[in-house]
């Protein structure tokens, strides 16, 4: 894949740059300085060609600007568009209450959006634009996009938080100091998914790993194998890796079916997994699909076109049962629907939103908007209250540091086209 190869090349260039130069010793400007220097963000274009509603610049002297490094144009915009408007909703949530109190000072929140254009070079340029504006904190898109831009944030001492991590060591490792991930992803959800299978699908005796070529398949497959064996399931050691830009999934589906497994498990874009599931069913197989994505299984029903779909589950939010969620989550979700409509809510993700929410909780805990104070506070806590419940700091074995927060996740299945809550599972990344 040209896009991902370019991202990997940029990542190698990043490593060489860090080895030659080391981390630059520069002090990040205070939040008030960043607010004074940063221009207004341009409105982003949504996946359907519609512009995201532009938020008016917050009133008041104390404005805390948070960067959003996402893809608002190009092929990945269909995913990142909701990331943007969900974070805009959180800003509105606090601003409508007069701002967020950090260390006795009330701040209005402003999201500064820079578009990576669904391109590795574009992502790097967008990262540099955020740094040039004096932004101290950035919430980012998926790790494979930002791999070639991490050195920019490291050298500028900008705390950057990925909405999705895929065990990619180019973005978070023992040497990186300012890269974090505050949301569940395959690293913490693969182990939980094997628990879900064991608890809810007694007919499943074996699993096969099937995922797009995101560059870290060997480690993801090893994590699946380890946890399959942990719960007493057979791991079919013939993983099916496919081109993430595939448009014909029939031959890929046949490889999955011919593996002889009772369940296929993997992550990737919802569109790809839905198309793959459609072809698996067309091949006559009713094997279980464990889609480790942060969207409800309704996207698999819509994407596959199978109205009475059964035998598939994901991790998502149980919107239909408010008591399964935190009060703050319910308030923000209602505000989102009221602001952007029920249609956008069908693609509700919550990952980038929760990253921003957790970052703000850490600022409040530290009583400061200073990056080093926030990082020091984070290093001194074991748990963080997320929008989804109590999250734990973890990831030492996987990343060489504990810059990851994993939180409880709702396991949601689809049976006969109906979405059913199966339980809340603890998620912890090794």
Protein backbone atom coordinates (compact mmCIF):
# COMPACT_ATOMS: atom_id res chain seq x y z
CA UNK A 1 0.00 0.00 0.00
CA UNK A 2 1.52 3.27 -1.12
CA UNK A 3 0.07 5.31 1.74
CA UNK A 4 1.28 2.95 4.44
CA UNK A 5 4.68 2.40 2.84
CA UNK A 6 5.16 6.16 2.80
CA UNK A 7 4.14 6.32 6.45
CA UNK A 8 6.71 3.67 7.32
CA UNK A 9 9.45 5.46 5.38
CA UNK A 10 8.67 8.67 7.20
CA UNK A 11 8.75 6.78 10.48
CA UNK A 12 12.26 5.46 9.72
CA UNK A 13 13.34 8.98 8.89
CA UNK A 14 11.93 10.05 12.24
CA UNK A 15 13.97 7.46 14.11
CA UNK A 16 17.17 8.51 12.35
CA UNK A 17 16.41 12.13 13.10
CA UNK A 18 15.87 11.41 16.79
CA UNK A 19 19.05 9.34 16.99
CA UNK A 20 21.15 12.06 15.36
CA UNK A 21 19.69 15.09 17.07
CA UNK A 22 18.08 13.88 20.28
CA UNK A 23 15.05 15.58 21.74
CA UNK A 24 15.26 19.34 21.32
CA UNK A 25 15.31 21.23 24.59
CA UNK A 26 12.58 23.78 24.03
CA UNK A 27 10.01 25.02 26.48
CA UNK A 28 6.37 24.88 25.40
CA UNK A 29 4.43 28.14 25.69
CA UNK A 30 1.76 28.55 28.34
CA UNK A 31 -1.86 27.98 27.39
CA UNK A 32 -2.53 31.71 27.37
CA UNK A 33 0.41 32.27 24.99
CA UNK A 34 -0.83 29.54 22.67
CA UNK A 35 -4.27 31.08 22.71
CA UNK A 36 -2.87 34.45 21.76
CA UNK A 37 -0.85 33.14 18.83
CA UNK A 38 -3.00 30.40 17.30
CA UNK A 39 -5.29 31.34 14.38
CA UNK A 40 -8.82 30.05 14.08
CA UNK A 41 -9.17 26.56 12.61
CA UNK A 42 -10.75 26.27 9.19
CA UNK A 43 -13.99 24.29 9.06
CA UNK A 44 -13.48 20.69 8.02
CA UNK A 45 -15.23 18.90 5.19
CA UNK A 46 -17.18 15.82 6.19
CA UNK A 47 -17.13 12.44 4.53
CA UNK A 48 -20.29 13.21 2.60
CA UNK A 49 -18.93 16.52 1.33
CA UNK A 50 -20.68 18.54 4.03
CA UNK A 51 -18.74 20.98 6.15
CA UNK A 52 -18.60 20.37 9.88
CA UNK A 53 -20.37 23.18 11.73
CA UNK A 54 -17.76 25.77 12.64
CA UNK A 55 -17.60 26.56 16.33
CA UNK A 56 -17.46 30.26 17.16
CA UNK A 57 -14.30 31.41 18.93
CA UNK A 58 -14.92 31.12 22.69
CA UNK A 59 -15.46 34.32 24.62
CA UNK A 60 -13.32 35.25 27.60
CA UNK A 61 -9.68 35.96 28.35
CA UNK A 62 -8.63 32.38 29.17
CA UNK A 63 -8.86 30.17 26.12
CA UNK A 64 -7.31 26.71 26.12
CA UNK A 65 -6.61 25.57 22.58
CA UNK A 66 -6.35 21.86 21.87
CA UNK A 67 -5.04 20.67 18.52
CA UNK A 68 -6.92 18.05 16.51
CA UNK A 69 -4.71 16.27 13.97
CA UNK A 70 -7.26 14.36 11.89
CA UNK A 71 -8.16 13.68 8.28
CA UNK A 72 -11.10 15.86 7.30
CA UNK A 73 -10.53 15.28 3.58
CA UNK A 74 -9.48 12.21 1.60
CA UNK A 75 -10.47 8.58 1.99
CA UNK A 76 -10.14 8.47 5.80
CA UNK A 77 -12.44 11.44 6.37
CA UNK A 78 -15.46 9.16 6.73
CA UNK A 79 -13.95 7.96 10.02
CA UNK A 80 -12.27 11.13 11.26
CA UNK A 81 -15.25 13.42 10.58
CA UNK A 82 -17.10 12.03 13.59
CA UNK A 83 -13.93 12.25 15.66
CA UNK A 84 -13.96 15.99 15.00
CA UNK A 85 -17.59 16.68 15.78
CA UNK A 86 -17.51 14.49 18.88
CA UNK A 87 -14.58 16.54 20.23
CA UNK A 88 -16.41 19.74 19.25
CA UNK A 89 -19.33 18.49 21.33
CA UNK A 90 -17.13 18.04 24.38
CA UNK A 91 -15.80 21.59 23.98
CA UNK A 92 -19.39 22.86 23.76
CA UNK A 93 -20.33 20.80 26.82
CA UNK A 94 -17.75 22.60 28.96
CA UNK A 95 -18.10 26.02 27.33
CA UNK A 96 -21.87 26.02 27.90
CA UNK A 97 -21.10 25.65 31.61
CA UNK A 98 -18.86 28.69 31.55
CA UNK A 99 -15.66 26.78 30.84
CA UNK A 100 -13.58 24.14 32.59
CA UNK A 101 -11.95 24.88 35.95
CA UNK A 102 -8.25 24.03 35.98
CA UNK A 103 -6.28 25.13 39.02
CA UNK A 104 -8.89 27.72 39.96
CA UNK A 105 -8.96 29.31 36.50
CA UNK A 106 -11.89 28.90 34.13
CA UNK A 107 -10.92 28.14 30.52
CA UNK A 108 -13.05 28.20 27.41
CA UNK A 109 -12.06 25.37 25.08
CA UNK A 110 -11.27 25.76 21.40
CA UNK A 111 -10.46 22.89 19.04
CA UNK A 112 -7.79 23.82 16.48
CA UNK A 113 -8.29 21.41 13.58
CA UNK A 114 -5.53 20.67 11.09
CA UNK A 115 -6.32 18.35 8.19
CA UNK A 116 -3.85 15.62 7.24
CA UNK A 117 -5.67 14.97 3.98
CA UNK A 118 -5.51 11.17 4.45
CA UNK A 119 -1.87 11.28 3.39
CA UNK A 120 1.34 10.68 5.35
CA UNK A 121 3.02 13.83 4.04
CA UNK A 122 -0.13 15.82 4.75
CA UNK A 123 -0.20 14.53 8.32
CA UNK A 124 3.39 15.63 8.86
CA UNK A 125 2.64 19.09 7.47
CA UNK A 126 -0.43 19.38 9.68
CA UNK A 127 1.60 18.41 12.74
CA UNK A 128 4.14 21.11 11.96
CA UNK A 129 1.39 23.70 11.53
CA UNK A 130 0.05 22.90 14.99
CA UNK A 131 3.51 23.22 16.52
CA UNK A 132 4.10 26.50 14.69
CA UNK A 133 0.89 27.85 16.23
CA UNK A 134 2.19 27.11 19.71
CA UNK A 135 -0.30 24.33 20.45
CA UNK A 136 0.78 22.33 23.51
CA UNK A 137 -1.68 19.43 23.30
CA UNK A 138 -2.89 17.46 20.27
CA UNK A 139 -5.46 14.68 19.95
CA UNK A 140 -4.56 12.58 16.92
CA UNK A 141 -6.11 10.09 14.57
CA UNK A 142 -5.02 6.44 14.21
CA UNK A 143 -1.42 5.57 14.96
CA UNK A 144 -0.48 4.46 11.45
CA UNK A 145 -1.27 7.96 10.17
CA UNK A 146 0.85 9.86 12.69
CA UNK A 147 3.84 7.52 12.66
CA UNK A 148 5.90 9.81 10.45
CA UNK A 149 5.14 12.94 12.51
CA UNK A 150 5.97 11.83 16.04
CA UNK A 151 9.44 13.40 15.96
CA UNK A 152 7.84 16.82 15.40
CA UNK A 153 5.88 16.52 18.64
CA UNK A 154 8.75 14.95 20.55
CA UNK A 155 11.15 17.74 19.61
CA UNK A 156 8.60 20.44 20.44
CA UNK A 157 7.55 18.76 23.73
CA UNK A 158 3.93 18.61 22.60
CA UNK A 159 1.80 16.05 24.43
CA UNK A 160 -0.02 14.07 21.73
CA UNK A 161 -2.74 11.51 22.35
CA UNK A 162 -3.75 8.90 19.76
CA UNK A 163 -7.43 8.02 19.41
CA UNK A 164 -6.52 4.54 18.19
CA UNK A 165 -3.41 2.43 18.78
CA UNK A 166 -2.62 -0.75 16.90
CA UNK A 167 0.50 -1.91 18.78
CA UNK A 168 2.58 0.36 16.56
CA UNK A 169 5.96 0.89 18.22
CA UNK A 170 6.88 3.68 15.84
CA UNK A 171 4.51 6.01 17.65
CA UNK A 172 4.86 4.86 21.25
CA UNK A 173 7.90 3.13 22.70
CA UNK A 174 10.47 3.28 25.50
CA UNK A 175 12.13 6.34 23.94
CA UNK A 176 9.07 8.47 23.16
CA UNK A 177 8.19 10.83 25.99
CA UNK A 178 5.23 12.83 24.72
CA UNK A 179 3.10 10.23 22.87
CA UNK A 180 0.08 8.73 24.62
CA UNK A 181 -3.11 6.81 23.83
CA UNK A 182 -6.18 7.29 26.02
CA UNK A 183 -8.66 4.92 24.38
CA UNK A 184 -9.31 1.23 23.97
CA UNK A 185 -8.09 -0.45 20.80
CA UNK A 186 -6.86 -3.85 19.72
CA UNK A 187 -4.04 -3.80 22.31
CA UNK A 188 -6.49 -4.01 25.19
CA UNK A 189 -9.60 -5.29 23.39
CA UNK A 190 -8.19 -8.43 21.74
CA UNK A 191 -7.79 -10.12 25.16
CA UNK A 192 -11.30 -8.99 26.15
CA UNK A 193 -12.71 -10.25 22.82
CA UNK A 194 -11.48 -13.77 23.56
CA UNK A 195 -13.28 -13.58 26.91
CA UNK A 196 -16.45 -12.50 25.10
CA UNK A 197 -16.18 -15.46 22.70
CA UNK A 198 -15.64 -17.93 25.52
CA UNK A 199 -18.55 -16.54 27.56
CA UNK A 200 -21.12 -16.06 24.80
CA UNK A 201 -20.34 -18.39 21.89
CA UNK A 202 -19.96 -21.95 23.21
CA UNK A 203 -20.05 -23.28 19.63
CA UNK A 204 -16.72 -21.58 18.90
CA UNK A 205 -13.78 -23.93 19.44
CA UNK A 206 -11.20 -22.26 17.18
CA UNK A 207 -10.32 -18.78 15.95
CA UNK A 208 -8.31 -17.32 13.07
CA UNK A 209 -6.80 -13.85 12.91
CA UNK A 210 -7.94 -11.86 9.84
CA UNK A 211 -6.89 -8.26 9.47
CA UNK A 212 -5.78 -5.64 6.97
CA UNK A 213 -2.08 -5.03 6.42
CA UNK A 214 -1.59 -2.35 9.07
CA UNK A 215 2.08 -3.18 9.58
CA UNK A 216 1.91 -4.81 13.02
CA UNK A 217 0.04 -7.98 12.15
CA UNK A 218 2.61 -10.36 13.62
CA UNK A 219 2.29 -8.84 17.09
CA UNK A 220 -1.49 -8.57 16.89
CA UNK A 221 -1.74 -12.21 15.77
CA UNK A 222 0.54 -13.24 18.64
CA UNK A 223 -1.73 -11.41 21.09
CA UNK A 224 -4.77 -13.22 19.69
CA UNK A 225 -2.96 -16.57 19.86
CA UNK A 226 -1.85 -16.01 23.46
CA UNK A 227 -5.36 -15.13 24.62
CA UNK A 228 -7.07 -17.85 22.59
CA UNK A 229 -4.89 -20.39 24.37
CA UNK A 230 -5.56 -18.64 27.69
CA UNK A 231 -9.32 -19.27 27.38
CA UNK A 232 -8.89 -22.77 25.95
CA UNK A 233 -9.61 -22.12 22.26
CA UNK A 234 -7.61 -23.44 19.33
CA UNK A 235 -5.68 -20.82 17.39
CA UNK A 236 -5.50 -21.53 13.65
CA UNK A 237 -1.95 -20.55 12.82
CA UNK A 238 -2.73 -19.39 9.28
CA UNK A 239 -3.55 -15.69 9.68
CA UNK A 240 -5.32 -14.00 6.78
CA UNK A 241 -3.74 -10.64 6.00
CA UNK A 242 -5.33 -8.55 3.26
CA UNK A 243 -4.74 -5.24 1.51
CA UNK A 244 -6.57 -2.52 3.38
CA UNK A 245 -7.49 -0.87 0.08
CA UNK A 246 -9.16 -4.01 -1.27
CA UNK A 247 -12.50 -3.64 -3.01
CA UNK A 248 -13.15 -7.31 -3.79
CA UNK A 249 -13.30 -9.42 -0.64
CA UNK A 250 -14.55 -12.70 -2.11
CA UNK A 251 -11.16 -14.43 -2.32
CA UNK A 252 -10.18 -13.12 1.13
CA UNK A 253 -13.42 -14.47 2.58
CA UNK A 254 -12.72 -17.90 1.06
CA UNK A 255 -9.33 -18.01 2.79
CA UNK A 256 -11.04 -17.27 6.09
CA UNK A 257 -13.73 -19.90 5.57
CA UNK A 258 -11.21 -22.49 4.36
CA UNK A 259 -9.12 -21.98 7.51
CA UNK A 260 -11.67 -24.20 9.24
CA UNK A 261 -12.00 -21.78 12.17
CA UNK A 262 -15.30 -21.20 13.95
CA UNK A 263 -14.59 -17.48 14.37
CA UNK A 264 -12.49 -14.85 12.66
CA UNK A 265 -11.16 -11.93 14.67
CA UNK A 266 -9.43 -8.73 13.63
CA UNK A 267 -9.64 -4.97 13.37
CA UNK A 268 -9.63 -2.53 10.47
CA UNK A 269 -12.05 -0.09 8.90
CA UNK A 270 -15.73 -0.85 9.54
CA UNK A 271 -16.44 -0.78 5.79
CA UNK A 272 -13.82 -3.45 5.11
CA UNK A 273 -14.98 -5.73 7.91
CA UNK A 274 -18.62 -5.39 6.83
CA UNK A 275 -17.72 -6.21 3.23
CA UNK A 276 -15.65 -9.18 4.37
CA UNK A 277 -18.48 -10.44 6.57
CA UNK A 278 -20.90 -10.16 3.65
CA UNK A 279 -18.65 -12.39 1.51
CA UNK A 280 -18.17 -14.90 4.33
CA UNK A 281 -21.93 -15.26 4.59
CA UNK A 282 -22.23 -15.47 0.79
CA UNK A 283 -19.77 -18.36 0.90
CA UNK A 284 -22.26 -20.22 3.11
CA UNK A 285 -20.43 -19.84 6.42
CA UNK A 286 -22.11 -18.77 9.67
CA UNK A 287 -18.79 -18.47 11.51
CA UNK A 288 -18.67 -15.79 14.20
CA UNK A 289 -17.14 -12.41 13.38
CA UNK A 290 -15.30 -10.66 16.23
CA UNK A 291 -14.70 -7.13 14.94
CA UNK A 292 -12.40 -5.31 17.34
CA UNK A 293 -13.49 -1.79 16.45
CA UNK A 294 -14.92 1.00 18.59
CA UNK A 295 -18.23 1.16 16.74
CA UNK A 296 -21.44 -0.72 17.47
CA UNK A 297 -22.37 -3.76 15.38
CA UNK A 298 -25.02 -1.71 13.58
CA UNK A 299 -22.27 -0.59 11.19
CA UNK A 300 -21.79 -4.24 10.19
CA UNK A 301 -25.49 -4.60 9.47
CA UNK A 302 -25.55 -1.47 7.33
CA UNK A 303 -22.22 -2.12 5.64
CA UNK A 304 -22.94 -5.75 4.79
CA UNK A 305 -26.50 -5.10 3.67
CA UNK A 306 -27.67 -8.15 5.63
CA UNK A 307 -30.78 -6.96 7.46
CA UNK A 308 -31.10 -10.14 9.55
CA UNK A 309 -27.38 -10.47 10.27
CA UNK A 310 -26.36 -12.73 13.15
CA UNK A 311 -23.14 -14.03 14.64
CA UNK A 312 -21.11 -10.85 14.84
CA UNK A 313 -20.00 -8.64 17.72
CA UNK A 314 -17.99 -5.51 18.37
CA UNK A 315 -17.09 -3.27 21.27
CA UNK A 316 -19.15 -0.10 21.35
CA UNK A 317 -21.46 2.02 23.49
CA UNK A 318 -24.78 0.66 24.72
CA UNK A 319 -26.71 3.79 23.84
CA UNK A 320 -30.07 2.08 24.35
CA UNK A 321 -29.42 1.50 28.06
CA UNK A 322 -28.32 4.73 29.79
CA UNK A 323 -27.72 2.96 33.11
CA UNK A 324 -24.85 1.05 31.47
CA UNK A 325 -23.05 4.36 30.90
CA UNK A 326 -21.62 7.08 33.11
CA UNK A 327 -23.82 10.11 33.72
CA UNK A 328 -21.34 12.38 31.95
CA UNK A 329 -21.32 10.09 28.91
CA UNK A 330 -25.10 10.24 28.70
CA UNK A 331 -25.11 14.04 28.96
CA UNK A 332 -22.50 14.44 26.22
CA UNK A 333 -24.17 11.90 23.94
CA UNK A 334 -27.50 13.72 24.27
CA UNK A 335 -25.79 17.02 23.46
CA UNK A 336 -24.19 15.38 20.41
CA UNK A 337 -27.53 14.13 19.08
CA UNK A 338 -29.17 17.49 19.78
CA UNK A 339 -26.36 19.32 17.96
CA UNK A 340 -25.54 17.06 15.03
CA UNK A 341 -28.58 14.84 14.63
CA UNK A 342 -29.38 11.16 14.96
CA UNK A 343 -27.87 10.29 11.56
CA UNK A 344 -24.36 11.24 12.69
CA UNK A 345 -24.96 9.36 15.94
CA UNK A 346 -25.11 6.07 14.01
CA UNK A 347 -21.34 6.43 13.49
CA UNK A 348 -20.68 7.39 17.12
CA UNK A 349 -17.17 6.32 18.08
CA UNK A 350 -16.13 8.01 21.30
CA UNK A 351 -12.41 7.28 21.08
CA UNK A 352 -11.09 10.76 20.23
CA UNK A 353 -13.76 12.28 22.45
CA UNK A 354 -12.61 10.19 25.42
CA UNK A 355 -8.97 11.06 24.71
CA UNK A 356 -9.81 14.74 25.01
CA UNK A 357 -11.97 14.15 28.09
CA UNK A 358 -9.21 12.20 29.84
CA UNK A 359 -6.63 14.84 28.96
CA UNK A 360 -8.81 17.50 30.57
CA UNK A 361 -9.25 15.32 33.68
CA UNK A 362 -5.47 15.07 33.95
CA UNK A 363 -5.12 18.85 33.66
CA UNK A 364 -7.67 19.26 36.44
CA UNK A 365 -5.86 16.71 38.57
CA UNK A 366 -2.56 18.48 38.02
CA UNK A 367 -4.20 21.86 38.59
CA UNK A 368 -2.25 23.17 35.61
CA UNK A 369 -2.21 23.47 31.83
CA UNK A 370 1.57 23.06 31.76
CA UNK A 371 2.61 19.96 29.80
CA UNK A 372 5.31 18.86 32.24
CA UNK A 373 2.98 19.26 35.22
CA UNK A 374 0.31 17.17 33.49
CA UNK A 375 2.79 14.47 32.49
CA UNK A 376 4.16 14.33 36.03
CA UNK A 377 0.66 14.02 37.46
CA UNK A 378 -0.17 11.21 35.04
CA UNK A 379 2.95 9.30 36.07
CA UNK A 380 1.75 9.39 39.68
CA UNK A 381 -1.71 7.85 39.18
CA UNK A 382 -2.76 4.28 38.49
CA UNK A 383 -6.34 4.96 37.38
CA UNK A 384 -8.20 7.67 35.49
CA UNK A 385 -11.95 8.23 35.44
CA UNK A 386 -12.90 8.04 31.76
CA UNK A 387 -16.25 8.58 30.05
CA UNK A 388 -16.61 4.79 30.03
CA UNK A 389 -15.72 4.09 33.65
CA UNK A 390 -12.49 3.71 35.58
CA UNK A 391 -9.53 3.39 33.24
CA UNK A 392 -6.16 1.91 34.15
CA UNK A 393 -2.69 3.02 33.15
CA UNK A 394 -0.99 0.14 31.34
CA UNK A 395 1.05 -0.95 28.30
CA UNK A 396 4.52 -1.52 29.78
CA UNK A 397 5.02 -4.93 28.16
CA UNK A 398 3.65 -3.80 24.80
CA UNK A 399 5.14 -0.33 24.43
CA UNK A 400 7.95 -0.08 26.96
CA UNK A 401 6.04 2.59 28.87
CA UNK A 402 2.68 3.06 30.58
CA UNK A 403 1.36 5.88 28.39
CA UNK A 404 -1.85 3.99 27.64
CA UNK A 405 -5.20 4.23 29.39
CA UNK A 406 -7.53 1.26 28.89
CA UNK A 407 -11.13 1.37 30.08
CA UNK A 408 -14.13 -0.98 30.37
CA UNK A 409 -15.88 -1.74 27.07
CA UNK A 410 -19.40 -2.86 26.18
CA UNK A 411 -19.56 -6.07 24.18
CA UNK A 412 -22.41 -5.69 21.67
CA UNK A 413 -23.61 -8.43 19.33
CA UNK A 414 -26.06 -8.45 16.45
CA UNK A 415 -28.57 -11.30 16.26
CA UNK A 416 -31.28 -11.36 13.57
CA UNK A 417 -30.46 -7.76 12.83
CA UNK A 418 -31.02 -6.66 16.44
CA UNK A 419 -28.26 -5.18 18.60
CA UNK A 420 -27.89 -6.93 21.96
CA UNK A 421 -25.74 -5.96 24.96
CA UNK A 422 -23.72 -8.93 26.23
CA UNK A 423 -21.85 -7.36 29.11
CA UNK A 424 -19.17 -4.90 30.15
CA UNK A 425 -15.63 -6.25 29.97
CA UNK A 426 -12.53 -4.96 31.65
CA UNK A 427 -9.80 -4.08 29.17
CA UNK A 428 -6.11 -3.92 30.06
CA UNK A 429 -3.21 -3.79 27.64
CA UNK A 430 -0.20 -5.96 28.52
